[in-house]
C-alpha atoms as a PDB file:
ATOM      1  CA  MET A   1      17.286  26.186 -21.296  1.00  0.00           C
ATOM      2  CA  ALA A   2      14.313  23.982 -20.410  1.00  0.00           C
ATOM      3  CA  ASP A   3      11.897  22.738 -23.015  1.00  0.00           C
ATOM      4  CA  ARG A   4       8.601  24.656 -22.781  1.00  0.00           C
ATOM      5  CA  ASN A   5       6.591  21.683 -24.020  1.00  0.00           C
ATOM      6  CA  ALA A   6       7.923  19.400 -21.277  1.00  0.00           C
ATOM      7  CA  LEU A   7       7.379  22.082 -18.623  1.00  0.00           C
ATOM      8  CA  SER A   8       3.776  22.579 -19.733  1.00  0.00           C
ATOM      9  CA  LYS A   9       3.131  18.824 -19.461  1.00  0.00           C
ATOM     10  CA  ILE A  10       4.619  18.740 -15.966  1.00  0.00           C
ATOM     11  CA  GLY A  11       2.514  21.762 -15.022  1.00  0.00           C
ATOM     12  CA  LEU A  12      -0.651  20.061 -16.268  1.00  0.00           C
ATOM     13  CA  LEU A  13       0.213  16.956 -14.262  1.00  0.00           C
ATOM     14  CA  PHE A  14       0.686  19.010 -11.086  1.00  0.00           C
ATOM     15  CA  MET A  15      -2.547  20.916 -11.761  1.00  0.00           C
ATOM     16  CA  ALA A  16      -4.537  17.694 -12.221  1.00  0.00           C
ATOM     17  CA  THR A  17      -3.053  16.188  -9.051  1.00  0.00           C
ATOM     18  CA  THR A  18      -3.814  19.331  -7.064  1.00  0.00           C
ATOM     19  CA  LEU A  19      -7.415  19.409  -8.286  1.00  0.00           C
ATOM     20  CA  LEU A  20      -7.881  15.734  -7.417  1.00  0.00           C
ATOM     21  CA  VAL A  21      -6.565  16.255  -3.878  1.00  0.00           C
ATOM     22  CA  MET A  22      -8.711  19.365  -3.362  1.00  0.00           C
ATOM     23  CA  MET A  23     -11.873  17.647  -4.625  1.00  0.00           C
ATOM     24  CA  THR A  24     -11.229  14.588  -2.431  1.00  0.00           C
ATOM     25  CA  GLY A  25     -10.703  16.826   0.582  1.00  0.00           C
ATOM     26  CA  ALA A  26     -13.915  18.714  -0.158  1.00  0.00           C
ATOM     27  CA  VAL A  27     -15.921  15.479  -0.347  1.00  0.00           C
ATOM     28  CA  VAL A  28     -14.431  14.182   2.916  1.00  0.00           C
ATOM     29  CA  VAL A  29     -15.133  17.444   4.732  1.00  0.00           C
ATOM     30  CA  ALA A  30     -18.690  17.643   3.343  1.00  0.00           C
ATOM     31  CA  ASP A  31     -19.431  14.055   4.408  1.00  0.00           C
ATOM     32  CA  HIS A  32     -17.927  14.686   7.832  1.00  0.00           C
ATOM     33  CA  LEU A  33     -20.007  17.823   8.364  1.00  0.00           C
ATOM     34  CA  SER A  34     -23.213  16.074   7.373  1.00  0.00           C
ATOM     35  CA  GLY A  35     -22.476  13.194   9.757  1.00  0.00           C
ATOM     36  CA  ARG A  36     -22.278  10.401   7.183  1.00  0.00           C
ATOM     37  CA  LEU A  37     -18.607   9.596   7.677  1.00  0.00           C
ATOM     38  CA  THR A  38     -17.852   6.757  10.077  1.00  0.00           C
ATOM     39  CA  ILE A  39     -14.218   5.885  10.560  1.00  0.00           C
ATOM     40  CA  ASP A  40     -14.529   2.985  13.025  1.00  0.00           C
ATOM     41  CA  GLU A  41     -17.498   1.002  14.199  1.00  0.00           C
ATOM     42  CA  GLN A  42     -18.003   1.097  17.930  1.00  0.00           C
ATOM     43  CA  VAL A  43     -17.576  -2.331  19.498  1.00  0.00           C
ATOM     44  CA  THR A  44     -18.539  -3.110  23.047  1.00  0.00           C
ATOM     45  CA  ALA A  45     -15.993  -4.866  25.248  1.00  0.00           C
ATOM     46  CA  GLY A  46     -18.148  -7.911  26.158  1.00  0.00           C
ATOM     47  CA  THR A  47     -19.192  -9.133  22.721  1.00  0.00           C
ATOM     48  CA  ALA A  48     -16.223 -11.461  22.125  1.00  0.00           C
ATOM     49  CA  SER A  49     -16.832 -13.446  25.323  1.00  0.00           C
ATOM     50  CA  ASP A  50     -20.345 -14.508  24.259  1.00  0.00           C
ATOM     51  CA  VAL A  51     -19.202 -16.508  21.218  1.00  0.00           C
ATOM     52  CA  GLY A  52     -20.818 -19.940  21.088  1.00  0.00           C
ATOM     53  CA  GLY A  53     -23.707 -19.083  23.376  1.00  0.00           C
ATOM     54  CA  HIS A  54     -22.184 -20.640  26.516  1.00  0.00           C
ATOM     55  CA  ALA A  55     -22.824 -18.716  29.705  1.00  0.00           C
ATOM     56  CA  ASN A  56     -20.327 -19.038  32.556  1.00  0.00           C
END
């Protein structure tokens, strides 16, 4: 028979982990919907060739 005290501690750990994941997901979705989330910055293709200021 399993120990009830140990099972309750494991249950609390799973509950806390689940709440953390749900709250993180809610913040990410809310930021995405409001347009504040930027994953990657857009880089133009020609910017690396202009390093040093020398024109060809």
